[in-house]
Amino acid sequence: MRMPNIVRIILLVAPWLSISLIPKRSFKQFLPVTLFASTLVAGLCALAVPYKWWVVEGGLKNKLLNDGSFILGPFFVGTIWIFHFTFGNFKRYLLINLLIDLFFSYPLNWIFQRMRLYKLVHFTPKHIFSIFTLFAFIIYGYKLLLSRLKIFI
């Protein structure tokens, strides 16, 4: 099995090993915002194809596997964890998101490219950081709206 496939499997499975540690109430409370956030990232990944923001060896099939393993693995589970520990304290939420976005945008991105998971073309680590930070603001606002409307609490 090739290295990118091993990494994809680990990215998809490893985060889910922690999901049983999240209280059921938190999982249910933050599932809608997590689904919304995952949809935003899926849209970003879809736009990456025509704009050639990044490419994946093996074509569209491998790109879908890459995107799916990231979105359904660390991004999905990580979003629930972040909201579980930070919702209600925006400064803490923002700090945690900024740190995670920096970590993903620079060292992890560099490692993933070295492992040949993907290659950035018309996209830079600054773009990744900026867009993920923007998404953090959007999804926090979305969760506040749901909470104020008493939806999915």
C-alpha atoms as a PDB file:
ATOM      1  CA  MET A   1       0.000   0.000   0.000  1.00  0.00           C
ATOM      2  CA  ARG A   2       1.358   3.423  -0.933  1.00  0.00           C
ATOM      3  CA  MET A   3       2.139   6.088   1.677  1.00  0.00           C
ATOM      4  CA  PRO A   4      -0.656   8.502   0.634  1.00  0.00           C
ATOM      5  CA  ASN A   5      -3.237   5.729   1.055  1.00  0.00           C
ATOM      6  CA  ILE A   6      -1.943   4.879   4.522  1.00  0.00           C
ATOM      7  CA  VAL A   7      -2.091   8.553   5.511  1.00  0.00           C
ATOM      8  CA  ARG A   8      -5.643   8.846   4.150  1.00  0.00           C
ATOM      9  CA  ILE A   9      -6.777   5.874   6.237  1.00  0.00           C
ATOM     10  CA  ILE A  10      -5.111   7.255   9.363  1.00  0.00           C
ATOM     11  CA  LEU A  11      -6.648  10.711   8.758  1.00  0.00           C
ATOM     12  CA  LEU A  12     -10.085   9.182   8.441  1.00  0.00           C
ATOM     13  CA  VAL A  13      -9.984   6.629  11.274  1.00  0.00           C
ATOM     14  CA  ALA A  14      -7.754   8.083  14.016  1.00  0.00           C
ATOM     15  CA  PRO A  15      -9.932  11.082  14.983  1.00  0.00           C
ATOM     16  CA  TRP A  16     -12.991   8.861  15.330  1.00  0.00           C
ATOM     17  CA  LEU A  17     -11.215   6.875  18.047  1.00  0.00           C
ATOM     18  CA  SER A  18     -11.729   9.888  20.328  1.00  0.00           C
ATOM     19  CA  ILE A  19     -15.408  10.459  19.569  1.00  0.00           C
ATOM     20  CA  SER A  20     -16.628   8.180  22.375  1.00  0.00           C
ATOM     21  CA  LEU A  21     -15.006  10.599  24.852  1.00  0.00           C
ATOM     22  CA  ILE A  22     -17.279  13.455  23.783  1.00  0.00           C
ATOM     23  CA  PRO A  23     -20.497  13.644  25.833  1.00  0.00           C
ATOM     24  CA  LYS A  24     -23.556  12.694  23.786  1.00  0.00           C
ATOM     25  CA  ARG A  25     -25.172  16.043  24.553  1.00  0.00           C
ATOM     26  CA  SER A  26     -22.177  17.937  23.117  1.00  0.00           C
ATOM     27  CA  PHE A  27     -22.116  15.736  20.043  1.00  0.00           C
ATOM     28  CA  LYS A  28     -25.808  16.421  19.363  1.00  0.00           C
ATOM     29  CA  GLN A  29     -25.474  20.118  20.181  1.00  0.00           C
ATOM     30  CA  PHE A  30     -22.527  20.712  17.862  1.00  0.00           C
ATOM     31  CA  LEU A  31     -23.394  18.291  15.055  1.00  0.00           C
ATOM     32  CA  PRO A  32     -25.324  20.888  12.980  1.00  0.00           C
ATOM     33  CA  VAL A  33     -22.469  23.407  13.027  1.00  0.00           C
ATOM     34  CA  THR A  34     -20.004  20.623  12.243  1.00  0.00           C
ATOM     35  CA  LEU A  35     -22.068  19.540   9.230  1.00  0.00           C
ATOM     36  CA  PHE A  36     -22.248  23.166   8.086  1.00  0.00           C
ATOM     37  CA  ALA A  37     -18.476  23.597   8.484  1.00  0.00           C
ATOM     38  CA  SER A  38     -17.827  20.354   6.619  1.00  0.00           C
ATOM     39  CA  THR A  39     -20.037  21.598   3.787  1.00  0.00           C
ATOM     40  CA  LEU A  40     -17.978  24.814   3.589  1.00  0.00           C
ATOM     41  CA  VAL A  41     -14.749  22.834   3.320  1.00  0.00           C
ATOM     42  CA  ALA A  42     -16.288  20.468   0.760  1.00  0.00           C
ATOM     43  CA  GLY A  43     -17.235  23.537  -1.307  1.00  0.00           C
ATOM     44  CA  LEU A  44     -13.664  24.809  -1.056  1.00  0.00           C
ATOM     45  CA  CYS A  45     -12.378  21.425  -2.212  1.00  0.00           C
ATOM     46  CA  ALA A  46     -14.809  21.428  -5.138  1.00  0.00           C
ATOM     47  CA  LEU A  47     -13.592  24.879  -6.212  1.00  0.00           C
ATOM     48  CA  ALA A  48     -10.010  23.641  -6.043  1.00  0.00           C
ATOM     49  CA  VAL A  49     -10.532  21.530  -9.162  1.00  0.00           C
ATOM     50  CA  PRO A  50     -11.374  24.208 -11.771  1.00  0.00           C
ATOM     51  CA  TYR A  51      -9.027  26.774 -10.202  1.00  0.00           C
ATOM     52  CA  LYS A  52      -6.178  24.245  -9.753  1.00  0.00           C
ATOM     53  CA  TRP A  53      -5.547  25.356  -6.184  1.00  0.00           C
ATOM     54  CA  TRP A  54      -3.975  21.988  -5.449  1.00  0.00           C
ATOM     55  CA  VAL A  55      -3.519  18.730  -7.285  1.00  0.00           C
ATOM     56  CA  VAL A  56      -3.400  15.117  -6.191  1.00  0.00           C
ATOM     57  CA  GLU A  57      -1.497  12.357  -7.974  1.00  0.00           C
ATOM     58  CA  GLY A  58      -3.910   9.811  -9.385  1.00  0.00           C
ATOM     59  CA  GLY A  59      -6.500  12.316 -10.536  1.00  0.00           C
ATOM     60  CA  LEU A  60      -9.995  13.067  -9.335  1.00  0.00           C
ATOM     61  CA  LYS A  61     -10.519   9.735  -7.565  1.00  0.00           C
ATOM     62  CA  ASN A  62      -7.536  10.278  -5.284  1.00  0.00           C
ATOM     63  CA  LYS A  63      -8.498  13.929  -4.773  1.00  0.00           C
ATOM     64  CA  LEU A  64     -11.940  12.833  -3.579  1.00  0.00           C
ATOM     65  CA  LEU A  65     -10.327  10.289  -1.243  1.00  0.00           C
ATOM     66  CA  ASN A  66      -7.965  12.972   0.104  1.00  0.00           C
ATOM     67  CA  ASP A  67     -10.710  15.523   0.605  1.00  0.00           C
ATOM     68  CA  GLY A  68     -13.093  12.992   2.116  1.00  0.00           C
ATOM     69  CA  SER A  69     -10.562  11.603   4.567  1.00  0.00           C
ATOM     70  CA  PHE A  70      -9.645  15.099   5.754  1.00  0.00           C
ATOM     71  CA  ILE A  71     -13.209  16.446   5.935  1.00  0.00           C
ATOM     72  CA  LEU A  72     -14.769  13.363   7.554  1.00  0.00           C
ATOM     73  CA  GLY A  73     -11.777  12.709   9.808  1.00  0.00           C
ATOM     74  CA  PRO A  74      -9.829  15.451  11.583  1.00  0.00           C
ATOM     75  CA  PHE A  75     -11.959  18.368  10.386  1.00  0.00           C
ATOM     76  CA  PHE A  76     -15.314  16.850  11.397  1.00  0.00           C
ATOM     77  CA  VAL A  77     -14.219  15.413  14.729  1.00  0.00           C
ATOM     78  CA  GLY A  78     -11.936  18.379  15.477  1.00  0.00           C
ATOM     79  CA  THR A  79     -14.775  20.848  14.974  1.00  0.00           C
ATOM     80  CA  ILE A  80     -16.918  19.026  17.517  1.00  0.00           C
ATOM     81  CA  TRP A  81     -14.029  18.926  20.013  1.00  0.00           C
ATOM     82  CA  ILE A  82     -13.228  22.613  19.556  1.00  0.00           C
ATOM     83  CA  PHE A  83     -16.837  23.644  20.078  1.00  0.00           C
ATOM     84  CA  HIS A  84     -17.166  21.294  23.051  1.00  0.00           C
ATOM     85  CA  PHE A  85     -14.258  22.971  24.845  1.00  0.00           C
ATOM     86  CA  THR A  86     -14.663  26.566  23.689  1.00  0.00           C
ATOM     87  CA  PHE A  87     -18.252  27.466  22.788  1.00  0.00           C
ATOM     88  CA  GLY A  88     -19.383  30.372  24.911  1.00  0.00           C
ATOM     89  CA  ASN A  89     -15.871  31.823  25.163  1.00  0.00           C
ATOM     90  CA  PHE A  90     -15.113  33.446  21.828  1.00  0.00           C
ATOM     91  CA  LYS A  91     -11.570  34.481  22.731  1.00  0.00           C
ATOM     92  CA  ARG A  92     -10.648  30.901  23.625  1.00  0.00           C
ATOM     93  CA  TYR A  93     -12.410  29.617  20.495  1.00  0.00           C
ATOM     94  CA  LEU A  94     -10.537  32.075  18.284  1.00  0.00           C
ATOM     95  CA  LEU A  95      -7.170  31.378  19.916  1.00  0.00           C
ATOM     96  CA  ILE A  96      -7.560  27.602  19.565  1.00  0.00           C
ATOM     97  CA  ASN A  97      -8.685  27.969  15.939  1.00  0.00           C
ATOM     98  CA  LEU A  98      -5.819  30.291  15.068  1.00  0.00           C
ATOM     99  CA  LEU A  99      -3.296  27.866  16.556  1.00  0.00           C
ATOM    100  CA  ILE A 100      -4.782  24.856  14.776  1.00  0.00           C
ATOM    101  CA  ASP A 101      -5.081  26.767  11.489  1.00  0.00           C
ATOM    102  CA  LEU A 102      -1.435  27.865  11.755  1.00  0.00           C
ATOM    103  CA  PHE A 103      -0.342  24.318  12.540  1.00  0.00           C
ATOM    104  CA  PHE A 104      -2.255  22.908   9.574  1.00  0.00           C
ATOM    105  CA  SER A 105      -1.275  25.700   7.162  1.00  0.00           C
ATOM    106  CA  TYR A 106       2.448  25.500   7.725  1.00  0.00           C
ATOM    107  CA  PRO A 107       4.066  22.434   9.297  1.00  0.00           C
ATOM    108  CA  LEU A 108       1.314  19.898   8.510  1.00  0.00           C
ATOM    109  CA  ASN A 109       0.816  21.248   5.011  1.00  0.00           C
ATOM    110  CA  TRP A 110       4.554  20.969   4.372  1.00  0.00           C
ATOM    111  CA  ILE A 111       4.584  17.389   5.730  1.00  0.00           C
ATOM    112  CA  PHE A 112       1.541  16.366   3.663  1.00  0.00           C
ATOM    113  CA  GLN A 113       3.130  17.745   0.510  1.00  0.00           C
ATOM    114  CA  ARG A 114       6.399  15.929   1.273  1.00  0.00           C
ATOM    115  CA  MET A 115       4.369  12.715   1.697  1.00  0.00           C
ATOM    116  CA  ARG A 116       2.914  13.418  -1.759  1.00  0.00           C
ATOM    117  CA  LEU A 117      -0.650  13.575  -0.470  1.00  0.00           C
ATOM    118  CA  TYR A 118      -1.179  16.687  -2.597  1.00  0.00           C
ATOM    119  CA  LYS A 119       0.709  19.617  -4.082  1.00  0.00           C
ATOM    120  CA  LEU A 120      -0.359  23.232  -3.787  1.00  0.00           C
ATOM    121  CA  VAL A 121      -0.444  24.959  -7.183  1.00  0.00           C
ATOM    122  CA  HIS A 122      -2.389  28.242  -7.142  1.00  0.00           C
ATOM    123  CA  PHE A 123      -2.801  28.219  -3.380  1.00  0.00           C
ATOM    124  CA  THR A 124      -0.387  28.994  -0.563  1.00  0.00           C
ATOM    125  CA  PRO A 125      -0.255  28.285   3.166  1.00  0.00           C
ATOM    126  CA  LYS A 126      -1.396  31.902   3.664  1.00  0.00           C
ATOM    127  CA  HIS A 127      -4.522  31.128   1.651  1.00  0.00           C
ATOM    128  CA  ILE A 128      -5.212  28.028   3.753  1.00  0.00           C
ATOM    129  CA  PHE A 129      -4.769  29.974   6.984  1.00  0.00           C
ATOM    130  CA  SER A 130      -6.918  32.899   5.817  1.00  0.00           C
ATOM    131  CA  ILE A 131      -9.784  30.774   4.532  1.00  0.00           C
ATOM    132  CA  PHE A 132      -9.860  28.468   7.559  1.00  0.00           C
ATOM    133  CA  THR A 133      -9.801  31.487   9.867  1.00  0.00           C
ATOM    134  CA  LEU A 134     -12.673  33.021   7.902  1.00  0.00           C
ATOM    135  CA  PHE A 135     -14.557  29.729   8.192  1.00  0.00           C
ATOM    136  CA  ALA A 136     -13.986  29.795  11.969  1.00  0.00           C
ATOM    137  CA  PHE A 137     -15.771  33.165  12.202  1.00  0.00           C
ATOM    138  CA  ILE A 138     -18.589  32.007   9.931  1.00  0.00           C
ATOM    139  CA  ILE A 139     -19.290  28.769  11.778  1.00  0.00           C
ATOM    140  CA  TYR A 140     -19.138  30.437  15.212  1.00  0.00           C
ATOM    141  CA  GLY A 141     -21.689  32.969  14.008  1.00  0.00           C
ATOM    142  CA  TYR A 142     -23.810  30.156  12.611  1.00  0.00           C
ATOM    143  CA  LYS A 143     -23.754  28.346  15.959  1.00  0.00           C
ATOM    144  CA  LEU A 144     -24.651  31.561  17.814  1.00  0.00           C
ATOM    145  CA  LEU A 145     -27.584  32.029  15.455  1.00  0.00           C
ATOM    146  CA  LEU A 146     -28.780  28.457  16.025  1.00  0.00           C
ATOM    147  CA  SER A 147     -28.437  28.939  19.794  1.00  0.00           C
ATOM    148  CA  ARG A 148     -30.348  32.220  19.785  1.00  0.00           C
ATOM    149  CA  LEU A 149     -33.112  30.696  17.702  1.00  0.00           C
ATOM    150  CA  LYS A 150     -33.115  27.699  20.084  1.00  0.00           C
ATOM    151  CA  ILE A 151     -32.466  25.322  17.204  1.00  0.00           C
ATOM    152  CA  PHE A 152     -30.496  22.127  17.877  1.00  0.00           C
ATOM    153  CA  ILE A 153     -29.668  22.920  21.491  1.00  0.00           C
END
